[in-house]
């Protein structure tokens, strides 16, 4: 039995009650432990109870009680160990969240230590993306601290409505990484980053909370003992789950941010299983699927960033949250990212590590079979690597091409509005038209349907930039939009058709619209079928049949 599995089994025994409570609760992000609650969320609470008189039953203190400098307004959240109230400062009038242990004498020393650790960590950190601490103290023997009140919802609640768009997820992750970079700069790691501990205000900005199991890397004190499993399995890095004896560092939070990014892109965490212990086993032994396998709209580069965060070995991830934030910023600004897919060597090494049998069995027949399998496997991996690299390069080329086309179109429109016949703009527009005409001639014989779509694109470009449409492309449009299928242009119906109307009629002849990859290959932007009115036929005319 390997050391990680022994460690995992020991953690299971030591934390049996905690893991069973996770397993009984369908949503493992909502446990009965105060230290795992989304604490300072929203103006209302699902956990507050009403008594027979219709008043809030908030347990420790009545509504209107004065705790320190704050008047309690109501309960936000409650767990087996503690409760969180919404309160207002008596002098300043600002709202706050009061977090308090329910029964200081009944809970163990570990709860007090983590409660104090959360307060100390919050007091050390000063960043708009981290919930701020206002004050700490005791009220009638109950330890409490007051923190900023975030009016909004948790990321967990937000994701119940489905995944975010890739851009929204990237921006949210960048802001979270920037906030954690501030904490890492002060030698503090969170160790329990997850959607329930990320609050989103009404402006859409994230705020990190619940530093109850954080670790101060500059301190020798420990909040956990050997074999104790701390954190949430779905968002826990392998080294925190017991995969190694390497001390935890900023890379542990990088993994958790990557798991949160995965959830924002797909609507689910990287690993799912019936029980938390099964989830931990997957974290230790399995590779996560790519976000693109669950959501095809995820861009290749954002998928590569996510998978780099989720590498098993800490030294293969981003070094800290600041490095991750920088790469996400590069992605959002359309610049090349630093992350790359795993190399061929890394994948082969990982394969051999997880299939020790193949490395230990001897014999000529087995070696021959292994050699054949290795050849096929290496060929497969090499092809996958090449495809992944091509996808990244294609995405970067597409973004660059779109930027250049946008600049060109803006330049041409500005020159046209000023009636300035600038020769450079004309040359650029004519070059684009010649490129489309050349692409048309290359495929007209082999793929007529694709050629027709290129002719339509060229006609739209001709109208937009006021340049002539090449004869071959114009003839093609006349042919497919003529009632008799000729290019003579003799009938009065054809004479009455404008180029815009022919484009509309031609679209109806398209059998299989180009895929996104084909449009990217030909340098075409995404356009919808133009809404141009079709001329009403006269009694002696029959409109073209779609």
Foldseek 3Di string as FASTA:
>chain_A
DDQLVVLLVLQCVVCVVVQVQCLVDPDSQDGQDPLSALAQEAPAAPAFDADPVRATDPQPDGQQDDDPQWGFHHWHDHHPFWTKTWTAGNPPRAIKIKIWTRDVVPDDPLQVQLVVVQQVLLDVFDDPQAWHWDAWDDDPRITITITHHAHHAFQLVVLVVPADAQLLLLVQLLLVLVRVVRSQVQQKDQQADARSQWYAHPVGHTHGHSSSQMDRRVDPDHSDDRSHQDYQLLQFALVSSRLDPDDDGQLRVLSSSLQRSLCNLQVGGQDDDSTSSVSSVCNNQHQGDFSCVRPVSNALLSSQLSSQSSDNDSVSHPVHSVLSSVQSVCVSVLHQGPGAHDDLVVVVVSVCVNCVVLVPDDDDVSVVVVVVVVVVVSVVVVVVRVVSVVSSVLVSLLSVLVVVVVVLLVVLVVCVVVVHPDVVNVVVLVVLLVLLVVVLVVCCVPPVLVSLVSLLVSLVSCVSRVHDHDPVSVQVLCQQQPQVSHSPCPDPLSVPDDSLQSSLSSVVVRDDDDDPVVCSVSSHDDDDRDDDDHDDDDPVDDGHDD
